[in-house]
Amino acid sequence: FLVEKLNAIRRLRTYPPASNFILCKLTDKEINPEQLSEKLAHQGIIIRNCRNFRGLTNRFFRLAVRKRNENIRLIMQLKEILGQK
């Protein structure tokens, strides 16, 4: 469910998860993971910036799979921040 909904958001690319974390990449240079993290934090949502992960650039971040209602809230916030209401 979560990966499918995330893949529907333009400006965002996901990679197949191997655990309860989903690796995402921002494909648009208008916002970076630091800015996204700050905006989500104001809504009580925390993401993990992956810029210091070996082999990844400063465009990557990681999400944890949570309860359905929390995932829906995350999707709604991402759509709003990334301009896809």
PDB file of N, CA and C in Angstrom:
ATOM      1  N   PHE A   1       0.826  -1.199   0.000  1.00  0.00           N
ATOM      2  CA  PHE A   1       0.000   0.000   0.000  1.00  0.00           C
ATOM      3  C   PHE A   1       0.867   1.258   0.000  1.00  0.00           C
ATOM      4  N   LEU A   2       1.786   1.349   0.947  1.00  0.00           N
ATOM      5  CA  LEU A   2       2.586   2.566   1.097  1.00  0.00           C
ATOM      6  C   LEU A   2       3.469   2.811  -0.122  1.00  0.00           C
ATOM      7  N   VAL A   3       4.158   1.796  -0.587  1.00  0.00           N
ATOM      8  CA  VAL A   3       5.035   1.958  -1.756  1.00  0.00           C
ATOM      9  C   VAL A   3       4.226   2.385  -2.971  1.00  0.00           C
ATOM     10  N   GLU A   4       3.075   1.780  -3.165  1.00  0.00           N
ATOM     11  CA  GLU A   4       2.216   2.132  -4.295  1.00  0.00           C
ATOM     12  C   GLU A   4       1.810   3.604  -4.237  1.00  0.00           C
ATOM     13  N   LYS A   5       1.396   4.071  -3.078  1.00  0.00           N
ATOM     14  CA  LYS A   5       0.984   5.466  -2.918  1.00  0.00           C
ATOM     15  C   LYS A   5       2.169   6.422  -3.067  1.00  0.00           C
ATOM     16  N   LEU A   6       3.325   6.040  -2.554  1.00  0.00           N
ATOM     17  CA  LEU A   6       4.509   6.884  -2.700  1.00  0.00           C
ATOM     18  C   LEU A   6       4.931   6.991  -4.156  1.00  0.00           C
ATOM     19  N   ASN A   7       4.855   5.876  -4.885  1.00  0.00           N
ATOM     20  CA  ASN A   7       5.234   5.893  -6.297  1.00  0.00           C
ATOM     21  C   ASN A   7       4.317   6.769  -7.136  1.00  0.00           C
ATOM     22  N   ALA A   8       3.128   7.034  -6.648  1.00  0.00           N
ATOM     23  CA  ALA A   8       2.180   7.888  -7.371  1.00  0.00           C
ATOM     24  C   ALA A   8       2.502   9.376  -7.205  1.00  0.00           C
ATOM     25  N   ILE A   9       3.418   9.701  -6.317  1.00  0.00           N
ATOM     26  CA  ILE A   9       3.785  11.096  -6.076  1.00  0.00           C
ATOM     27  C   ILE A   9       4.912  11.485  -7.029  1.00  0.00           C
ATOM     28  N   ARG A  10       4.610  12.476  -7.883  1.00  0.00           N
ATOM     29  CA  ARG A  10       5.658  12.988  -8.756  1.00  0.00           C
ATOM     30  C   ARG A  10       6.734  13.606  -7.879  1.00  0.00           C
ATOM     31  N   ARG A  11       7.929  13.682  -8.392  1.00  0.00           N
ATOM     32  CA  ARG A  11       9.074  14.250  -7.679  1.00  0.00           C
ATOM     33  C   ARG A  11       9.640  13.300  -6.629  1.00  0.00           C
ATOM     34  N   LEU A  12       9.149  12.061  -6.608  1.00  0.00           N
ATOM     35  CA  LEU A  12       9.591  11.087  -5.615  1.00  0.00           C
ATOM     36  C   LEU A  12       9.746   9.729  -6.280  1.00  0.00           C
ATOM     37  N   ARG A  13      10.838   9.045  -5.972  1.00  0.00           N
ATOM     38  CA  ARG A  13      11.066   7.688  -6.483  1.00  0.00           C
ATOM     39  C   ARG A  13      11.373   6.787  -5.299  1.00  0.00           C
ATOM     40  N   THR A  14      10.779   5.596  -5.301  1.00  0.00           N
ATOM     41  CA  THR A  14      11.053   4.649  -4.218  1.00  0.00           C
ATOM     42  C   THR A  14      11.831   3.456  -4.762  1.00  0.00           C
ATOM     43  N   TYR A  15      12.455   2.756  -3.860  1.00  0.00           N
ATOM     44  CA  TYR A  15      13.213   1.547  -4.191  1.00  0.00           C
ATOM     45  C   TYR A  15      12.596   0.400  -3.409  1.00  0.00           C
ATOM     46  N   PRO A  16      12.540  -0.788  -3.997  1.00  0.00           N
ATOM     47  CA  PRO A  16      11.880  -1.927  -3.326  1.00  0.00           C
ATOM     48  C   PRO A  16      12.445  -2.171  -1.930  1.00  0.00           C
ATOM     49  N   PRO A  17      11.573  -2.182  -0.933  1.00  0.00           N
ATOM     50  CA  PRO A  17      12.049  -2.377   0.444  1.00  0.00           C
ATOM     51  C   PRO A  17      12.402  -3.833   0.730  1.00  0.00           C
ATOM     52  N   ALA A  18      13.398  -4.007   1.595  1.00  0.00           N
ATOM     53  CA  ALA A  18      13.781  -5.341   2.043  1.00  0.00           C
ATOM     54  C   ALA A  18      13.448  -5.503   3.526  1.00  0.00           C
ATOM     55  N   SER A  19      12.916  -4.448   4.113  1.00  0.00           N
ATOM     56  CA  SER A  19      12.537  -4.465   5.529  1.00  0.00           C
ATOM     57  C   SER A  19      11.391  -3.489   5.712  1.00  0.00           C
ATOM     58  N   ASN A  20      11.197  -2.996   6.926  1.00  0.00           N
ATOM     59  CA  ASN A  20      10.103  -2.056   7.151  1.00  0.00           C
ATOM     60  C   ASN A  20      10.518  -0.606   6.897  1.00  0.00           C
ATOM     61  N   PHE A  21      11.602  -0.412   6.156  1.00  0.00           N
ATOM     62  CA  PHE A  21      12.047   0.911   5.737  1.00  0.00           C
ATOM     63  C   PHE A  21      11.948   1.012   4.225  1.00  0.00           C
ATOM     64  N   ILE A  22      11.611   2.202   3.739  1.00  0.00           N
ATOM     65  CA  ILE A  22      11.521   2.436   2.297  1.00  0.00           C
ATOM     66  C   ILE A  22      12.493   3.552   1.944  1.00  0.00           C
ATOM     67  N   LEU A  23      13.406   3.251   1.032  1.00  0.00           N
ATOM     68  CA  LEU A  23      14.358   4.240   0.549  1.00  0.00           C
ATOM     69  C   LEU A  23      13.685   5.052  -0.550  1.00  0.00           C
ATOM     70  N   CYS A  24      13.785   6.382  -0.431  1.00  0.00           N
ATOM     71  CA  CYS A  24      13.167   7.286  -1.391  1.00  0.00           C
ATOM     72  C   CYS A  24      14.206   8.274  -1.905  1.00  0.00           C
ATOM     73  N   LYS A  25      13.967   8.752  -3.128  1.00  0.00           N
ATOM     74  CA  LYS A  25      14.829   9.762  -3.722  1.00  0.00           C
ATOM     75  C   LYS A  25      13.964  10.902  -4.230  1.00  0.00           C
ATOM     76  N   LEU A  26      14.355  12.111  -3.885  1.00  0.00           N
ATOM     77  CA  LEU A  26      13.690  13.291  -4.433  1.00  0.00           C
ATOM     78  C   LEU A  26      14.263  13.534  -5.819  1.00  0.00           C
ATOM     79  N   THR A  27      13.411  13.579  -6.817  1.00  0.00           N
ATOM     80  CA  THR A  27      13.879  13.710  -8.196  1.00  0.00           C
ATOM     81  C   THR A  27      13.853  15.154  -8.682  1.00  0.00           C
ATOM     82  N   ASP A  28      13.329  16.044  -7.882  1.00  0.00           N
ATOM     83  CA  ASP A  28      13.227  17.457  -8.227  1.00  0.00           C
ATOM     84  C   ASP A  28      14.200  18.243  -7.361  1.00  0.00           C
ATOM     85  N   LYS A  29      14.942  19.143  -7.963  1.00  0.00           N
ATOM     86  CA  LYS A  29      15.953  19.914  -7.220  1.00  0.00           C
ATOM     87  C   LYS A  29      15.356  21.074  -6.416  1.00  0.00           C
ATOM     88  N   GLU A  30      14.035  21.309  -6.531  1.00  0.00           N
ATOM     89  CA  GLU A  30      13.410  22.421  -5.823  1.00  0.00           C
ATOM     90  C   GLU A  30      13.397  22.233  -4.315  1.00  0.00           C
ATOM     91  N   ILE A  31      13.472  20.999  -3.872  1.00  0.00           N
ATOM     92  CA  ILE A  31      13.473  20.715  -2.434  1.00  0.00           C
ATOM     93  C   ILE A  31      14.479  19.600  -2.172  1.00  0.00           C
ATOM     94  N   ASN A  32      15.144  19.666  -1.037  1.00  0.00           N
ATOM     95  CA  ASN A  32      16.092  18.606  -0.685  1.00  0.00           C
ATOM     96  C   ASN A  32      15.581  17.907   0.576  1.00  0.00           C
ATOM     97  N   PRO A  33      16.171  16.780   0.919  1.00  0.00           N
ATOM     98  CA  PRO A  33      15.697  16.040   2.098  1.00  0.00           C
ATOM     99  C   PRO A  33      15.742  16.839   3.405  1.00  0.00           C
ATOM    100  N   GLU A  34      16.706  17.747   3.531  1.00  0.00           N
ATOM    101  CA  GLU A  34      16.768  18.555   4.749  1.00  0.00           C
ATOM    102  C   GLU A  34      15.526  19.449   4.858  1.00  0.00           C
ATOM    103  N   GLN A  35      15.168  20.077   3.754  1.00  0.00           N
ATOM    104  CA  GLN A  35      13.986  20.939   3.748  1.00  0.00           C
ATOM    105  C   GLN A  35      12.716  20.124   3.968  1.00  0.00           C
ATOM    106  N   LEU A  36      12.639  18.983   3.288  1.00  0.00           N
ATOM    107  CA  LEU A  36      11.483  18.113   3.452  1.00  0.00           C
ATOM    108  C   LEU A  36      11.369  17.637   4.897  1.00  0.00           C
ATOM    109  N   SER A  37      12.489  17.247   5.469  1.00  0.00           N
ATOM    110  CA  SER A  37      12.509  16.782   6.858  1.00  0.00           C
ATOM    111  C   SER A  37      12.013  17.864   7.809  1.00  0.00           C
ATOM    112  N   GLU A  38      12.445  19.088   7.593  1.00  0.00           N
ATOM    113  CA  GLU A  38      12.026  20.201   8.447  1.00  0.00           C
ATOM    114  C   GLU A  38      10.518  20.435   8.339  1.00  0.00           C
ATOM    115  N   LYS A  39       9.994  20.419   7.130  1.00  0.00           N
ATOM    116  CA  LYS A  39       8.556  20.638   6.927  1.00  0.00           C
ATOM    117  C   LYS A  39       7.733  19.509   7.555  1.00  0.00           C
ATOM    118  N   LEU A  40       8.197  18.273   7.391  1.00  0.00           N
ATOM    119  CA  LEU A  40       7.479  17.145   7.978  1.00  0.00           C
ATOM    120  C   LEU A  40       7.569  17.156   9.502  1.00  0.00           C
ATOM    121  N   ALA A  41       8.707  17.570  10.030  1.00  0.00           N
ATOM    122  CA  ALA A  41       8.889  17.617  11.482  1.00  0.00           C
ATOM    123  C   ALA A  41       7.880  18.562  12.133  1.00  0.00           C
ATOM    124  N   HIS A  42       7.532  19.641  11.439  1.00  0.00           N
ATOM    125  CA  HIS A  42       6.513  20.563  11.958  1.00  0.00           C
ATOM    126  C   HIS A  42       5.156  19.881  12.067  1.00  0.00           C
ATOM    127  N   GLN A  43       4.974  18.782  11.344  1.00  0.00           N
ATOM    128  CA  GLN A  43       3.730  18.018  11.392  1.00  0.00           C
ATOM    129  C   GLN A  43       3.865  16.781  12.282  1.00  0.00           C
ATOM    130  N   GLY A  44       5.014  16.653  12.965  1.00  0.00           N
ATOM    131  CA  GLY A  44       5.236  15.512  13.850  1.00  0.00           C
ATOM    132  C   GLY A  44       5.667  14.246  13.130  1.00  0.00           C
ATOM    133  N   ILE A  45       6.193  14.402  11.908  1.00  0.00           N
ATOM    134  CA  ILE A  45       6.636  13.260  11.101  1.00  0.00           C
ATOM    135  C   ILE A  45       8.146  13.359  10.921  1.00  0.00           C
ATOM    136  N   ILE A  46       8.837  12.282  11.238  1.00  0.00           N
ATOM    137  CA  ILE A  46      10.295  12.266  11.150  1.00  0.00           C
ATOM    138  C   ILE A  46      10.730  11.321  10.027  1.00  0.00           C
ATOM    139  N   ILE A  47      11.657  11.802   9.176  1.00  0.00           N
ATOM    140  CA  ILE A  47      12.264  10.960   8.146  1.00  0.00           C
ATOM    141  C   ILE A  47      13.767  10.939   8.386  1.00  0.00           C
ATOM    142  N   ARG A  48      14.437   9.966   7.800  1.00  0.00           N
ATOM    143  CA  ARG A  48      15.893   9.812   7.968  1.00  0.00           C
ATOM    144  C   ARG A  48      16.589  10.267   6.702  1.00  0.00           C
ATOM    145  N   ASN A  49      17.386  11.314   6.798  1.00  0.00           N
ATOM    146  CA  ASN A  49      18.191  11.765   5.673  1.00  0.00           C
ATOM    147  C   ASN A  49      19.299  10.736   5.451  1.00  0.00           C
ATOM    148  N   CYS A  50      19.523  10.352   4.214  1.00  0.00           N
ATOM    149  CA  CYS A  50      20.503   9.300   3.908  1.00  0.00           C
ATOM    150  C   CYS A  50      21.748   9.832   3.210  1.00  0.00           C
ATOM    151  N   ARG A  51      22.004  11.120   3.318  1.00  0.00           N
ATOM    152  CA  ARG A  51      23.144  11.714   2.612  1.00  0.00           C
ATOM    153  C   ARG A  51      24.479  11.123   3.058  1.00  0.00           C
ATOM    154  N   ASN A  52      24.550  10.604   4.268  1.00  0.00           N
ATOM    155  CA  ASN A  52      25.813  10.033   4.741  1.00  0.00           C
ATOM    156  C   ASN A  52      25.859   8.512   4.589  1.00  0.00           C
ATOM    157  N   PHE A  53      24.898   7.932   3.874  1.00  0.00           N
ATOM    158  CA  PHE A  53      24.936   6.499   3.597  1.00  0.00           C
ATOM    159  C   PHE A  53      25.878   6.269   2.420  1.00  0.00           C
ATOM    160  N   ARG A  54      26.727   5.308   2.536  1.00  0.00           N
ATOM    161  CA  ARG A  54      27.692   5.006   1.482  1.00  0.00           C
ATOM    162  C   ARG A  54      26.965   4.717   0.162  1.00  0.00           C
ATOM    163  N   GLY A  55      27.386   5.394  -0.892  1.00  0.00           N
ATOM    164  CA  GLY A  55      26.839   5.160  -2.223  1.00  0.00           C
ATOM    165  C   GLY A  55      25.592   5.978  -2.549  1.00  0.00           C
ATOM    166  N   LEU A  56      25.076   6.737  -1.582  1.00  0.00           N
ATOM    167  CA  LEU A  56      23.889   7.554  -1.835  1.00  0.00           C
ATOM    168  C   LEU A  56      24.262   9.028  -1.864  1.00  0.00           C
ATOM    169  N   THR A  57      23.453   9.817  -2.550  1.00  0.00           N
ATOM    170  CA  THR A  57      23.692  11.255  -2.637  1.00  0.00           C
ATOM    171  C   THR A  57      22.802  11.982  -1.630  1.00  0.00           C
ATOM    172  N   ASN A  58      22.854  13.300  -1.679  1.00  0.00           N
ATOM    173  CA  ASN A  58      22.051  14.104  -0.767  1.00  0.00           C
ATOM    174  C   ASN A  58      20.592  14.225  -1.218  1.00  0.00           C
ATOM    175  N   ARG A  59      20.146  13.397  -2.146  1.00  0.00           N
ATOM    176  CA  ARG A  59      18.760  13.401  -2.618  1.00  0.00           C
ATOM    177  C   ARG A  59      17.929  12.287  -1.969  1.00  0.00           C
ATOM    178  N   PHE A  60      18.542  11.435  -1.157  1.00  0.00           N
ATOM    179  CA  PHE A  60      17.880  10.258  -0.606  1.00  0.00           C
ATOM    180  C   PHE A  60      17.438  10.447   0.847  1.00  0.00           C
ATOM    181  N   PHE A  61      16.325   9.810   1.175  1.00  0.00           N
ATOM    182  CA  PHE A  61      15.859   9.747   2.550  1.00  0.00           C
ATOM    183  C   PHE A  61      15.141   8.413   2.755  1.00  0.00           C
ATOM    184  N   ARG A  62      14.899   8.070   4.004  1.00  0.00           N
ATOM    185  CA  ARG A  62      14.289   6.781   4.337  1.00  0.00           C
ATOM    186  C   ARG A  62      13.063   7.004   5.208  1.00  0.00           C
ATOM    187  N   LEU A  63      12.043   6.191   4.943  1.00  0.00           N
ATOM    188  CA  LEU A  63      10.801   6.224   5.709  1.00  0.00           C
ATOM    189  C   LEU A  63      10.608   4.890   6.405  1.00  0.00           C
ATOM    190  N   ALA A  64       9.972   4.918   7.543  1.00  0.00           N
ATOM    191  CA  ALA A  64       9.592   3.682   8.225  1.00  0.00           C
ATOM    192  C   ALA A  64       8.131   3.384   7.919  1.00  0.00           C
ATOM    193  N   VAL A  65       7.828   2.129   7.707  1.00  0.00           N
ATOM    194  CA  VAL A  65       6.441   1.703   7.529  1.00  0.00           C
ATOM    195  C   VAL A  65       5.786   1.712   8.909  1.00  0.00           C
ATOM    196  N   ARG A  66       4.633   2.362   8.993  1.00  0.00           N
ATOM    197  CA  ARG A  66       3.952   2.503  10.265  1.00  0.00           C
ATOM    198  C   ARG A  66       2.531   1.963  10.150  1.00  0.00           C
ATOM    199  N   LYS A  67       1.673   2.332  11.070  1.00  0.00           N
ATOM    200  CA  LYS A  67       0.269   1.926  11.009  1.00  0.00           C
ATOM    201  C   LYS A  67      -0.399   2.616   9.822  1.00  0.00           C
ATOM    202  N   ARG A  68      -1.482   2.024   9.319  1.00  0.00           N
ATOM    203  CA  ARG A  68      -2.162   2.535   8.120  1.00  0.00           C
ATOM    204  C   ARG A  68      -2.509   4.017   8.239  1.00  0.00           C
ATOM    205  N   ASN A  69      -3.106   4.422   9.358  1.00  0.00           N
ATOM    206  CA  ASN A  69      -3.503   5.829   9.499  1.00  0.00           C
ATOM    207  C   ASN A  69      -2.293   6.764   9.503  1.00  0.00           C
ATOM    208  N   GLU A  70      -1.176   6.327  10.057  1.00  0.00           N
ATOM    209  CA  GLU A  70       0.054   7.134  10.049  1.00  0.00           C
ATOM    210  C   GLU A  70       0.633   7.218   8.645  1.00  0.00           C
ATOM    211  N   ASN A  71       0.577   6.112   7.912  1.00  0.00           N
ATOM    212  CA  ASN A  71       1.058   6.104   6.532  1.00  0.00           C
ATOM    213  C   ASN A  71       0.216   7.032   5.652  1.00  0.00           C
ATOM    214  N   ILE A  72      -1.080   7.026   5.868  1.00  0.00           N
ATOM    215  CA  ILE A  72      -1.972   7.904   5.102  1.00  0.00           C
ATOM    216  C   ILE A  72      -1.652   9.366   5.406  1.00  0.00           C
ATOM    217  N   ARG A  73      -1.426   9.652   6.658  1.00  0.00           N
ATOM    218  CA  ARG A  73      -1.052  11.020   7.051  1.00  0.00           C
ATOM    219  C   ARG A  73       0.267  11.444   6.402  1.00  0.00           C
ATOM    220  N   LEU A  74       1.242  10.545   6.374  1.00  0.00           N
ATOM    221  CA  LEU A  74       2.523  10.809   5.724  1.00  0.00           C
ATOM    222  C   LEU A  74       2.313  11.104   4.238  1.00  0.00           C
ATOM    223  N   ILE A  75       1.546  10.284   3.563  1.00  0.00           N
ATOM    224  CA  ILE A  75       1.281  10.465   2.131  1.00  0.00           C
ATOM    225  C   ILE A  75       0.622  11.822   1.886  1.00  0.00           C
ATOM    226  N   MET A  76      -0.357  12.162   2.696  1.00  0.00           N
ATOM    227  CA  MET A  76      -1.045  13.447   2.533  1.00  0.00           C
ATOM    228  C   MET A  76      -0.074  14.622   2.709  1.00  0.00           C
ATOM    229  N   GLN A  77       0.800  14.533   3.701  1.00  0.00           N
ATOM    230  CA  GLN A  77       1.765  15.611   3.935  1.00  0.00           C
ATOM    231  C   GLN A  77       2.779  15.707   2.792  1.00  0.00           C
ATOM    232  N   LEU A  78       3.260  14.560   2.313  1.00  0.00           N
ATOM    233  CA  LEU A  78       4.204  14.568   1.196  1.00  0.00           C
ATOM    234  C   LEU A  78       3.579  15.190  -0.042  1.00  0.00           C
ATOM    235  N   LYS A  79       2.350  14.831  -0.316  1.00  0.00           N
ATOM    236  CA  LYS A  79       1.650  15.410  -1.481  1.00  0.00           C
ATOM    237  C   LYS A  79       1.512  16.917  -1.347  1.00  0.00           C
ATOM    238  N   GLU A  80       1.179  17.363  -0.145  1.00  0.00           N
ATOM    239  CA  GLU A  80       1.032  18.808   0.062  1.00  0.00           C
ATOM    240  C   GLU A  80       2.366  19.525  -0.107  1.00  0.00           C
ATOM    241  N   ILE A  81       3.409  19.017   0.499  1.00  0.00           N
ATOM    242  CA  ILE A  81       4.730  19.644   0.437  1.00  0.00           C
ATOM    243  C   ILE A  81       5.288  19.614  -0.975  1.00  0.00           C
ATOM    244  N   LEU A  82       5.087  18.499  -1.673  1.00  0.00           N
ATOM    245  CA  LEU A  82       5.641  18.353  -3.020  1.00  0.00           C
ATOM    246  C   LEU A  82       4.694  18.861  -4.102  1.00  0.00           C
ATOM    247  N   GLY A  83       3.614  19.507  -3.693  1.00  0.00           N
ATOM    248  CA  GLY A  83       2.726  20.165  -4.633  1.00  0.00           C
ATOM    249  C   GLY A  83       1.781  19.270  -5.384  1.00  0.00           C
ATOM    250  N   GLN A  84       1.229  18.250  -4.725  1.00  0.00           N
ATOM    251  CA  GLN A  84       0.289  17.323  -5.352  1.00  0.00           C
ATOM    252  C   GLN A  84      -0.899  17.096  -4.451  1.00  0.00           C
ATOM    253  N   LYS A  85      -1.705  18.059  -4.274  1.00  0.00           N
ATOM    254  CA  LYS A  85      -2.868  17.916  -3.400  1.00  0.00           C
ATOM    255  C   LYS A  85      -3.909  17.017  -4.005  1.00  0.00           C
TER     256      LYS A  85
END
